[in-house]
PDB file of N, CA and C in Angstrom:
ATOM      1  N   MET A   1     -32.730  -5.365  49.880  1.00  0.00           N
ATOM      2  CA  MET A   1     -31.180  -4.789  50.347  1.00  0.00           C
ATOM      3  C   MET A   1     -29.442  -5.437  49.138  1.00  0.00           C
ATOM      4  N   ARG A   2     -29.405  -4.117  49.334  1.00  0.00           N
ATOM      5  CA  ARG A   2     -27.425  -4.288  48.303  1.00  0.00           C
ATOM      6  C   ARG A   2     -26.249  -4.159  49.278  1.00  0.00           C
ATOM      7  N   ASP A   3     -25.429  -4.991  48.832  1.00  0.00           N
ATOM      8  CA  ASP A   3     -24.403  -4.816  50.021  1.00  0.00           C
ATOM      9  C   ASP A   3     -22.832  -4.857  48.208  1.00  0.00           C
ATOM     10  N   ASN A   4     -22.472  -4.512  48.386  1.00  0.00           N
ATOM     11  CA  ASN A   4     -21.300  -3.694  47.102  1.00  0.00           C
ATOM     12  C   ASN A   4     -20.328  -4.435  47.465  1.00  0.00           C
ATOM     13  N   ASP A   5     -20.333  -4.917  48.467  1.00  0.00           N
ATOM     14  CA  ASP A   5     -18.338  -6.212  48.288  1.00  0.00           C
ATOM     15  C   ASP A   5     -19.570  -7.500  49.512  1.00  0.00           C
ATOM     16  N   ALA A   6     -20.174  -8.345  49.122  1.00  0.00           N
ATOM     17  CA  ALA A   6     -20.747  -9.538  48.981  1.00  0.00           C
ATOM     18  C   ALA A   6     -19.793 -10.521  48.604  1.00  0.00           C
ATOM     19  N   PHE A   7     -19.398 -10.328  46.870  1.00  0.00           N
ATOM     20  CA  PHE A   7     -18.374 -11.019  46.523  1.00  0.00           C
ATOM     21  C   PHE A   7     -17.043 -10.128  46.256  1.00  0.00           C
ATOM     22  N   GLU A   8     -15.402 -10.997  46.370  1.00  0.00           N
ATOM     23  CA  GLU A   8     -14.883 -10.698  45.602  1.00  0.00           C
ATOM     24  C   GLU A   8     -14.368 -10.379  44.009  1.00  0.00           C
ATOM     25  N   PRO A   9     -14.516  -9.142  43.530  1.00  0.00           N
ATOM     26  CA  PRO A   9     -14.500  -9.065  42.214  1.00  0.00           C
ATOM     27  C   PRO A   9     -13.702 -10.101  40.975  1.00  0.00           C
ATOM     28  N   ILE A  10     -13.723 -10.863  39.859  1.00  0.00           N
ATOM     29  CA  ILE A  10     -13.445 -11.448  39.444  1.00  0.00           C
ATOM     30  C   ILE A  10     -12.214 -10.442  38.234  1.00  0.00           C
ATOM     31  N   VAL A  11     -12.593  -8.687  38.382  1.00  0.00           N
ATOM     32  CA  VAL A  11     -12.172  -7.919  37.236  1.00  0.00           C
ATOM     33  C   VAL A  11     -11.634  -6.892  38.041  1.00  0.00           C
ATOM     34  N   ASP A  12     -10.586  -6.295  37.747  1.00  0.00           N
ATOM     35  CA  ASP A  12     -10.117  -4.738  38.759  1.00  0.00           C
ATOM     36  C   ASP A  12     -10.964  -4.265  38.416  1.00  0.00           C
ATOM     37  N   LEU A  13     -11.439  -3.002  39.170  1.00  0.00           N
ATOM     38  CA  LEU A  13     -12.823  -2.232  39.083  1.00  0.00           C
ATOM     39  C   LEU A  13     -12.237  -1.393  38.131  1.00  0.00           C
ATOM     40  N   ASP A  14     -11.361  -0.647  37.922  1.00  0.00           N
ATOM     41  CA  ASP A  14     -10.202  -0.054  36.914  1.00  0.00           C
ATOM     42  C   ASP A  14     -10.128   0.051  36.125  1.00  0.00           C
ATOM     43  N   GLU A  15     -10.785  -1.647  35.350  1.00  0.00           N
ATOM     44  CA  GLU A  15     -10.382  -2.050  34.445  1.00  0.00           C
ATOM     45  C   GLU A  15     -11.704  -2.713  33.730  1.00  0.00           C
ATOM     46  N   TYR A  16     -12.292  -3.371  34.412  1.00  0.00           N
ATOM     47  CA  TYR A  16     -14.376  -2.819  34.043  1.00  0.00           C
ATOM     48  C   TYR A  16     -14.439  -1.686  34.022  1.00  0.00           C
ATOM     49  N   HIS A  17     -14.476  -0.534  34.813  1.00  0.00           N
ATOM     50  CA  HIS A  17     -15.140   0.579  33.480  1.00  0.00           C
ATOM     51  C   HIS A  17     -13.307   0.833  32.686  1.00  0.00           C
ATOM     52  N   THR A  18     -12.267   0.927  32.196  1.00  0.00           N
ATOM     53  CA  THR A  18     -12.188   0.664  30.948  1.00  0.00           C
ATOM     54  C   THR A  18     -12.900   0.159  29.507  1.00  0.00           C
ATOM     55  N   VAL A  19     -13.010  -0.428  30.334  1.00  0.00           N
ATOM     56  CA  VAL A  19     -13.532  -1.976  29.283  1.00  0.00           C
ATOM     57  C   VAL A  19     -14.936  -1.173  28.942  1.00  0.00           C
ATOM     58  N   ARG A  20     -15.648  -0.868  29.530  1.00  0.00           N
ATOM     59  CA  ARG A  20     -17.318  -0.477  29.901  1.00  0.00           C
ATOM     60  C   ARG A  20     -17.223   1.118  28.693  1.00  0.00           C
ATOM     61  N   GLY A  21     -16.396   1.595  29.036  1.00  0.00           N
ATOM     62  CA  GLY A  21     -16.006   2.441  28.077  1.00  0.00           C
ATOM     63  C   GLY A  21     -16.402   2.190  26.856  1.00  0.00           C
ATOM     64  N   ILE A  22     -14.854   1.645  26.567  1.00  0.00           N
ATOM     65  CA  ILE A  22     -14.936   1.431  25.162  1.00  0.00           C
ATOM     66  C   ILE A  22     -16.307   0.894  24.263  1.00  0.00           C
ATOM     67  N   ILE A  23     -16.155  -0.302  25.032  1.00  0.00           N
ATOM     68  CA  ILE A  23     -18.007  -0.649  24.788  1.00  0.00           C
ATOM     69  C   ILE A  23     -19.409  -0.085  24.907  1.00  0.00           C
ATOM     70  N   LEU A  24     -19.340   1.003  25.154  1.00  0.00           N
ATOM     71  CA  LEU A  24     -20.031   2.527  25.142  1.00  0.00           C
ATOM     72  C   LEU A  24     -19.766   3.579  23.748  1.00  0.00           C
ATOM     73  N   GLY A  25     -18.803   3.449  23.371  1.00  0.00           N
ATOM     74  CA  GLY A  25     -17.931   4.299  22.775  1.00  0.00           C
ATOM     75  C   GLY A  25     -18.746   2.924  21.069  1.00  0.00           C
ATOM     76  N   ARG A  26     -18.576   2.367  21.367  1.00  0.00           N
ATOM     77  CA  ARG A  26     -18.469   1.590  19.853  1.00  0.00           C
ATOM     78  C   ARG A  26     -20.820   2.561  19.626  1.00  0.00           C
ATOM     79  N   HIS A  27     -21.007   2.048  20.540  1.00  0.00           N
ATOM     80  CA  HIS A  27     -22.433   2.240  19.953  1.00  0.00           C
ATOM     81  C   HIS A  27     -22.897   3.707  19.552  1.00  0.00           C
ATOM     82  N   HIS A  28     -22.149   4.811  20.145  1.00  0.00           N
ATOM     83  CA  HIS A  28     -22.381   5.888  19.606  1.00  0.00           C
ATOM     84  C   HIS A  28     -23.162   6.024  18.317  1.00  0.00           C
ATOM     85  N   ARG A  29     -24.026   6.227  17.741  1.00  0.00           N
ATOM     86  CA  ARG A  29     -24.127   5.997  16.214  1.00  0.00           C
ATOM     87  C   ARG A  29     -23.929   7.100  14.690  1.00  0.00           C
ATOM     88  N   LEU A  30     -23.225   6.555  14.986  1.00  0.00           N
ATOM     89  CA  LEU A  30     -22.579   7.944  13.235  1.00  0.00           C
ATOM     90  C   LEU A  30     -23.449   7.730  12.449  1.00  0.00           C
ATOM     91  N   SER A  31     -23.483   8.920  11.408  1.00  0.00           N
ATOM     92  CA  SER A  31     -24.236   9.053  10.293  1.00  0.00           C
ATOM     93  C   SER A  31     -23.604   8.407   8.651  1.00  0.00           C
ATOM     94  N   ASN A  32     -24.794   8.431   8.207  1.00  0.00           N
ATOM     95  CA  ASN A  32     -23.769   8.408   6.883  1.00  0.00           C
ATOM     96  C   ASN A  32     -23.077   9.086   7.099  1.00  0.00           C
ATOM     97  N   ASP A  33     -22.556  10.131   6.783  1.00  0.00           N
ATOM     98  CA  ASP A  33     -21.842  10.870   6.325  1.00  0.00           C
ATOM     99  C   ASP A  33     -20.096  10.336   6.900  1.00  0.00           C
ATOM    100  N   GLU A  34     -20.407  10.292   8.203  1.00  0.00           N
ATOM    101  CA  GLU A  34     -19.389  10.078   9.570  1.00  0.00           C
ATOM    102  C   GLU A  34     -18.269   8.428   8.637  1.00  0.00           C
ATOM    103  N   MET A  35     -19.974   7.820   8.414  1.00  0.00           N
ATOM    104  CA  MET A  35     -19.330   6.115   8.083  1.00  0.00           C
ATOM    105  C   MET A  35     -18.702   6.736   6.976  1.00  0.00           C
ATOM    106  N   LEU A  36     -19.203   6.812   6.111  1.00  0.00           N
ATOM    107  CA  LEU A  36     -18.109   6.944   4.429  1.00  0.00           C
ATOM    108  C   LEU A  36     -17.526   8.059   4.428  1.00  0.00           C
ATOM    109  N   GLY A  37     -17.203   9.088   5.544  1.00  0.00           N
ATOM    110  CA  GLY A  37     -15.379  10.427   5.828  1.00  0.00           C
ATOM    111  C   GLY A  37     -14.415   8.702   6.499  1.00  0.00           C
ATOM    112  N   ARG A  38     -14.802   8.242   7.166  1.00  0.00           N
ATOM    113  CA  ARG A  38     -13.079   7.071   7.442  1.00  0.00           C
ATOM    114  C   ARG A  38     -14.049   5.590   6.890  1.00  0.00           C
ATOM    115  N   LEU A  39     -14.547   5.062   6.025  1.00  0.00           N
ATOM    116  CA  LEU A  39     -14.175   4.147   4.811  1.00  0.00           C
ATOM    117  C   LEU A  39     -13.240   5.026   4.056  1.00  0.00           C
ATOM    118  N   LYS A  40     -13.617   6.316   3.619  1.00  0.00           N
ATOM    119  CA  LYS A  40     -12.931   7.101   2.898  1.00  0.00           C
ATOM    120  C   LYS A  40     -11.213   7.771   2.649  1.00  0.00           C
ATOM    121  N   VAL A  41     -11.103   7.280   4.469  1.00  0.00           N
ATOM    122  CA  VAL A  41     -10.352   7.826   4.999  1.00  0.00           C
ATOM    123  C   VAL A  41      -9.016   6.150   5.191  1.00  0.00           C
ATOM    124  N   VAL A  42      -9.667   5.186   4.733  1.00  0.00           N
ATOM    125  CA  VAL A  42      -8.547   3.880   5.186  1.00  0.00           C
ATOM    126  C   VAL A  42      -8.817   4.114   3.353  1.00  0.00           C
ATOM    127  N   PHE A  43      -9.306   4.294   1.867  1.00  0.00           N
ATOM    128  CA  PHE A  43      -9.491   4.098   1.068  1.00  0.00           C
ATOM    129  C   PHE A  43      -8.076   5.037   1.202  1.00  0.00           C
ATOM    130  N   GLU A  44      -7.772   5.937   1.236  1.00  0.00           N
ATOM    131  CA  GLU A  44      -7.044   7.157   0.468  1.00  0.00           C
ATOM    132  C   GLU A  44      -5.823   6.268   2.028  1.00  0.00           C
ATOM    133  N   GLN A  45      -5.859   6.123   2.460  1.00  0.00           N
ATOM    134  CA  GLN A  45      -4.628   6.064   3.797  1.00  0.00           C
ATOM    135  C   GLN A  45      -3.836   4.412   3.049  1.00  0.00           C
ATOM    136  N   HIS A  46      -4.983   3.580   2.771  1.00  0.00           N
ATOM    137  CA  HIS A  46      -4.630   1.796   2.180  1.00  0.00           C
ATOM    138  C   HIS A  46      -4.159   1.928   0.167  1.00  0.00           C
ATOM    139  N   GLY A  47      -5.439   3.177   0.113  1.00  0.00           N
ATOM    140  CA  GLY A  47      -4.889   2.479  -1.330  1.00  0.00           C
ATOM    141  C   GLY A  47      -6.064   1.999  -1.948  1.00  0.00           C
ATOM    142  N   LYS A  48      -6.497   1.105  -1.262  1.00  0.00           N
ATOM    143  CA  LYS A  48      -8.041   0.081  -1.527  1.00  0.00           C
ATOM    144  C   LYS A  48      -8.492  -0.601  -0.100  1.00  0.00           C
ATOM    145  N   ILE A  49      -9.477  -0.831  -0.522  1.00  0.00           N
ATOM    146  CA  ILE A  49     -10.662  -0.463   0.969  1.00  0.00           C
ATOM    147  C   ILE A  49     -11.064  -2.801   0.962  1.00  0.00           C
ATOM    148  N   SER A  50     -11.614  -3.137   1.642  1.00  0.00           N
ATOM    149  CA  SER A  50     -11.258  -4.314   2.072  1.00  0.00           C
ATOM    150  C   SER A  50     -12.816  -4.969   3.487  1.00  0.00           C
ATOM    151  N   GLY A  51     -12.662  -5.968   3.835  1.00  0.00           N
ATOM    152  CA  GLY A  51     -13.930  -5.736   4.730  1.00  0.00           C
ATOM    153  C   GLY A  51     -12.747  -6.380   6.126  1.00  0.00           C
ATOM    154  N   VAL A  52     -11.779  -6.955   5.407  1.00  0.00           N
ATOM    155  CA  VAL A  52     -10.853  -7.380   6.479  1.00  0.00           C
ATOM    156  C   VAL A  52     -10.185  -6.100   7.454  1.00  0.00           C
ATOM    157  N   LEU A  53      -9.402  -5.671   6.241  1.00  0.00           N
ATOM    158  CA  LEU A  53      -9.031  -4.574   6.868  1.00  0.00           C
ATOM    159  C   LEU A  53     -10.015  -3.374   7.315  1.00  0.00           C
ATOM    160  N   ILE A  54     -11.091  -3.730   6.803  1.00  0.00           N
ATOM    161  CA  ILE A  54     -12.272  -2.195   7.708  1.00  0.00           C
ATOM    162  C   ILE A  54     -12.664  -2.912   9.220  1.00  0.00           C
ATOM    163  N   ASP A  55     -13.036  -4.721   9.529  1.00  0.00           N
ATOM    164  CA  ASP A  55     -12.831  -4.991  10.510  1.00  0.00           C
ATOM    165  C   ASP A  55     -11.590  -5.017  11.319  1.00  0.00           C
ATOM    166  N   GLU A  56     -10.257  -5.090  11.422  1.00  0.00           N
ATOM    167  CA  GLU A  56      -9.601  -4.777  11.673  1.00  0.00           C
ATOM    168  C   GLU A  56      -9.012  -3.386  12.254  1.00  0.00           C
ATOM    169  N   MET A  57      -9.605  -2.458  11.629  1.00  0.00           N
ATOM    170  CA  MET A  57      -9.562  -1.002  12.510  1.00  0.00           C
ATOM    171  C   MET A  57      -9.931  -0.345  13.589  1.00  0.00           C
ATOM    172  N   ASP A  58      -9.653   0.049  14.434  1.00  0.00           N
ATOM    173  CA  ASP A  58     -10.332   0.371  15.981  1.00  0.00           C
ATOM    174  C   ASP A  58     -11.587   0.699  15.324  1.00  0.00           C
ATOM    175  N   ALA A  59     -11.218   2.042  15.108  1.00  0.00           N
ATOM    176  CA  ALA A  59     -12.140   3.620  15.081  1.00  0.00           C
ATOM    177  C   ALA A  59     -13.153   3.062  14.075  1.00  0.00           C
ATOM    178  N   MET A  60     -12.873   2.126  13.193  1.00  0.00           N
ATOM    179  CA  MET A  60     -14.278   1.591  11.914  1.00  0.00           C
ATOM    180  C   MET A  60     -15.251   0.929  12.974  1.00  0.00           C
ATOM    181  N   PRO A  61     -16.206   1.590  12.461  1.00  0.00           N
ATOM    182  CA  PRO A  61     -18.286   0.973  12.425  1.00  0.00           C
ATOM    183  C   PRO A  61     -17.385  -0.773  10.981  1.00  0.00           C
ATOM    184  N   SER A  62     -18.160  -1.980  12.160  1.00  0.00           N
ATOM    185  CA  SER A  62     -17.994  -3.549  11.504  1.00  0.00           C
ATOM    186  C   SER A  62     -18.221  -3.560  10.281  1.00  0.00           C
ATOM    187  N   THR A  63     -17.555  -4.323   9.899  1.00  0.00           N
ATOM    188  CA  THR A  63     -18.223  -4.650   7.731  1.00  0.00           C
ATOM    189  C   THR A  63     -19.495  -4.767   8.106  1.00  0.00           C
ATOM    190  N   ALA A  64     -20.688  -5.546   9.560  1.00  0.00           N
ATOM    191  CA  ALA A  64     -21.746  -5.531   9.142  1.00  0.00           C
ATOM    192  C   ALA A  64     -22.701  -4.271   9.447  1.00  0.00           C
ATOM    193  N   SER A  65     -21.522  -3.182  10.311  1.00  0.00           N
ATOM    194  CA  SER A  65     -22.397  -2.532   9.774  1.00  0.00           C
ATOM    195  C   SER A  65     -22.644  -1.464   9.061  1.00  0.00           C
ATOM    196  N   TYR A  66     -21.602  -1.601   8.009  1.00  0.00           N
ATOM    197  CA  TYR A  66     -21.509  -0.511   6.831  1.00  0.00           C
ATOM    198  C   TYR A  66     -22.426  -1.981   5.448  1.00  0.00           C
ATOM    199  N   ARG A  67     -22.344  -3.242   6.234  1.00  0.00           N
ATOM    200  CA  ARG A  67     -23.678  -3.915   4.953  1.00  0.00           C
ATOM    201  C   ARG A  67     -25.382  -3.044   5.142  1.00  0.00           C
ATOM    202  N   HIS A  68     -25.720  -2.833   6.825  1.00  0.00           N
ATOM    203  CA  HIS A  68     -26.834  -3.250   7.197  1.00  0.00           C
ATOM    204  C   HIS A  68     -26.992  -1.483   6.482  1.00  0.00           C
ATOM    205  N   ARG A  69     -25.959  -0.480   6.758  1.00  0.00           N
ATOM    206  CA  ARG A  69     -26.850   1.386   6.676  1.00  0.00           C
ATOM    207  C   ARG A  69     -26.859   0.610   4.945  1.00  0.00           C
ATOM    208  N   PHE A  70     -25.819   0.509   4.467  1.00  0.00           N
ATOM    209  CA  PHE A  70     -26.061   0.873   2.694  1.00  0.00           C
ATOM    210  C   PHE A  70     -26.285  -0.685   2.159  1.00  0.00           C
ATOM    211  N   GLY A  71     -26.918  -1.414   2.269  1.00  0.00           N
ATOM    212  CA  GLY A  71     -27.150  -2.610   2.331  1.00  0.00           C
ATOM    213  C   GLY A  71     -25.998  -4.097   1.940  1.00  0.00           C
ATOM    214  N   THR A  72     -24.812  -3.116   0.811  1.00  0.00           N
ATOM    215  CA  THR A  72     -23.600  -3.939   0.724  1.00  0.00           C
ATOM    216  C   THR A  72     -22.214  -3.469   0.724  1.00  0.00           C
ATOM    217  N   LEU A  73     -21.638  -3.585   0.740  1.00  0.00           N
ATOM    218  CA  LEU A  73     -20.258  -3.702   0.825  1.00  0.00           C
ATOM    219  C   LEU A  73     -19.988  -2.464  -0.151  1.00  0.00           C
ATOM    220  N   VAL A  74     -20.337  -3.404  -0.791  1.00  0.00           N
ATOM    221  CA  VAL A  74     -19.548  -2.643  -2.802  1.00  0.00           C
ATOM    222  C   VAL A  74     -20.112  -1.400  -3.644  1.00  0.00           C
ATOM    223  N   ARG A  75     -21.694  -1.352  -2.289  1.00  0.00           N
ATOM    224  CA  ARG A  75     -22.715  -0.096  -2.021  1.00  0.00           C
ATOM    225  C   ARG A  75     -21.762   1.133  -1.662  1.00  0.00           C
ATOM    226  N   ALA A  76     -21.604   0.715   0.117  1.00  0.00           N
ATOM    227  CA  ALA A  76     -20.411   1.391   0.370  1.00  0.00           C
ATOM    228  C   ALA A  76     -19.205   1.829  -0.266  1.00  0.00           C
ATOM    229  N   TYR A  77     -18.504   1.084  -1.248  1.00  0.00           N
ATOM    230  CA  TYR A  77     -17.539   0.883  -1.593  1.00  0.00           C
ATOM    231  C   TYR A  77     -17.596   2.336  -2.507  1.00  0.00           C
ATOM    232  N   ALA A  78     -18.318   1.940  -2.943  1.00  0.00           N
ATOM    233  CA  ALA A  78     -18.880   2.687  -4.426  1.00  0.00           C
ATOM    234  C   ALA A  78     -19.003   4.615  -4.200  1.00  0.00           C
ATOM    235  N   LEU A  79     -19.456   4.115  -3.030  1.00  0.00           N
ATOM    236  CA  LEU A  79     -20.093   5.995  -2.402  1.00  0.00           C
ATOM    237  C   LEU A  79     -19.102   6.390  -2.097  1.00  0.00           C
ATOM    238  N   VAL A  80     -17.898   5.614  -2.028  1.00  0.00           N
ATOM    239  CA  VAL A  80     -16.172   6.421  -1.693  1.00  0.00           C
ATOM    240  C   VAL A  80     -15.853   6.657  -2.433  1.00  0.00           C
ATOM    241  N   GLY A  81     -15.793   6.136  -4.114  1.00  0.00           N
ATOM    242  CA  GLY A  81     -15.656   6.206  -4.901  1.00  0.00           C
ATOM    243  C   GLY A  81     -14.523   4.882  -5.607  1.00  0.00           C
ATOM    244  N   TYR A  82     -14.478   4.146  -4.802  1.00  0.00           N
ATOM    245  CA  TYR A  82     -13.812   2.768  -5.083  1.00  0.00           C
ATOM    246  C   TYR A  82     -14.627   1.581  -5.741  1.00  0.00           C
ATOM    247  N   GLY A  83     -14.089   1.110  -6.897  1.00  0.00           N
ATOM    248  CA  GLY A  83     -14.257   0.131  -7.225  1.00  0.00           C
ATOM    249  C   GLY A  83     -13.971  -1.076  -7.033  1.00  0.00           C
ATOM    250  N   GLY A  84     -13.039  -1.234  -6.067  1.00  0.00           N
ATOM    251  CA  GLY A  84     -12.829  -3.421  -5.830  1.00  0.00           C
ATOM    252  C   GLY A  84     -11.990  -3.175  -6.814  1.00  0.00           C
ATOM    253  N   ARG A  85     -11.885  -4.159  -7.410  1.00  0.00           N
ATOM    254  CA  ARG A  85     -11.336  -5.379  -8.937  1.00  0.00           C
ATOM    255  C   ARG A  85     -11.525  -4.565  -9.646  1.00  0.00           C
ATOM    256  N   ARG A  86     -12.703  -3.431 -10.249  1.00  0.00           N
ATOM    257  CA  ARG A  86     -13.083  -2.707 -11.243  1.00  0.00           C
ATOM    258  C   ARG A  86     -11.281  -1.390 -11.483  1.00  0.00           C
ATOM    259  N   CYS A  87     -10.962  -1.486 -10.470  1.00  0.00           N
ATOM    260  CA  CYS A  87      -9.664  -0.253 -10.290  1.00  0.00           C
ATOM    261  C   CYS A  87      -8.960  -0.470 -11.489  1.00  0.00           C
ATOM    262  N   SER A  88      -8.375  -0.144 -12.222  1.00  0.00           N
ATOM    263  CA  SER A  88      -7.071  -0.073 -12.908  1.00  0.00           C
ATOM    264  C   SER A  88      -6.460   0.740 -12.967  1.00  0.00           C
ATOM    265  N   PRO A  89      -4.892  -0.464 -12.668  1.00  0.00           N
ATOM    266  CA  PRO A  89      -3.746   1.103 -12.027  1.00  0.00           C
ATOM    267  C   PRO A  89      -3.353   2.066 -12.839  1.00  0.00           C
ATOM    268  N   ARG A  90      -2.895   3.355 -12.456  1.00  0.00           N
ATOM    269  CA  ARG A  90      -2.347   3.935 -13.171  1.00  0.00           C
ATOM    270  C   ARG A  90      -1.737   4.023 -12.809  1.00  0.00           C
ATOM    271  N   GLY A  91       0.529   4.443 -13.741  1.00  0.00           N
ATOM    272  CA  GLY A  91       1.226   4.620 -12.222  1.00  0.00           C
ATOM    273  C   GLY A  91       1.427   3.981 -11.388  1.00  0.00           C
ATOM    274  N   GLY A  92       1.080   2.866 -11.326  1.00  0.00           N
ATOM    275  CA  GLY A  92       1.172   2.123  -9.832  1.00  0.00           C
ATOM    276  C   GLY A  92       0.385   2.510  -8.724  1.00  0.00           C
ATOM    277  N   THR A  93      -1.124   3.528  -9.089  1.00  0.00           N
ATOM    278  CA  THR A  93      -1.574   3.930  -7.707  1.00  0.00           C
ATOM    279  C   THR A  93      -2.941   3.435  -8.236  1.00  0.00           C
ATOM    280  N   PRO A  94      -3.672   2.508  -7.461  1.00  0.00           N
ATOM    281  CA  PRO A  94      -5.322   2.241  -7.796  1.00  0.00           C
ATOM    282  C   PRO A  94      -5.880   3.859  -8.181  1.00  0.00           C
ATOM    283  N   TYR A  95      -6.705   3.739  -9.799  1.00  0.00           N
ATOM    284  CA  TYR A  95      -8.059   4.749 -10.415  1.00  0.00           C
ATOM    285  C   TYR A  95      -8.916   4.895 -10.248  1.00  0.00           C
ATOM    286  N   CYS A  96      -9.670   5.125  -9.391  1.00  0.00           N
ATOM    287  CA  CYS A  96     -11.646   4.570  -9.554  1.00  0.00           C
ATOM    288  C   CYS A  96     -11.830   5.384  -8.656  1.00  0.00           C
ATOM    289  N   ASN A  97     -12.494   6.063 -10.168  1.00  0.00           N
ATOM    290  CA  ASN A  97     -13.576   7.113 -10.067  1.00  0.00           C
ATOM    291  C   ASN A  97     -13.200   8.522  -9.409  1.00  0.00           C
ATOM    292  N   GLN A  98     -11.196   8.700  -9.206  1.00  0.00           N
ATOM    293  CA  GLN A  98     -10.515   9.474  -8.827  1.00  0.00           C
ATOM    294  C   GLN A  98     -11.533  11.413  -8.999  1.00  0.00           C
ATOM    295  N   ALA A  99     -13.074  11.433  -9.372  1.00  0.00           N
ATOM    296  CA  ALA A  99     -13.042  12.351  -9.032  1.00  0.00           C
ATOM    297  C   ALA A  99     -14.798  12.682  -7.967  1.00  0.00           C
ATOM    298  N   GLU A 100     -14.503  11.464  -7.675  1.00  0.00           N
ATOM    299  CA  GLU A 100     -15.622  11.270  -6.566  1.00  0.00           C
ATOM    300  C   GLU A 100     -14.822  11.033  -5.332  1.00  0.00           C
ATOM    301  N   VAL A 101     -13.339  11.100  -5.399  1.00  0.00           N
ATOM    302  CA  VAL A 101     -12.974  10.697  -3.940  1.00  0.00           C
ATOM    303  C   VAL A 101     -12.370  11.495  -3.426  1.00  0.00           C
TER     304      VAL A 101
END
């Protein structure tokens, strides 16, 4: 037997559904191209990529997801044309394999 009103709720039902929707949305499996596309946008907007930057963005998979999917963060960075510290500044902007970006 089940009674939905047996206990007083700790969390408001609307808030519960909002949070549940956010959690379920994070479990959407992105393709490699979708993950790299989001990483490329970060690079284009910020001129750099870092683990902290990735993890602070809401619409991004976690750095752990990138490591799991691509082996290392450095490999994922390279796939979008970012060379990290190996990039050389040209005209005040980072230049990193621009042909691939």
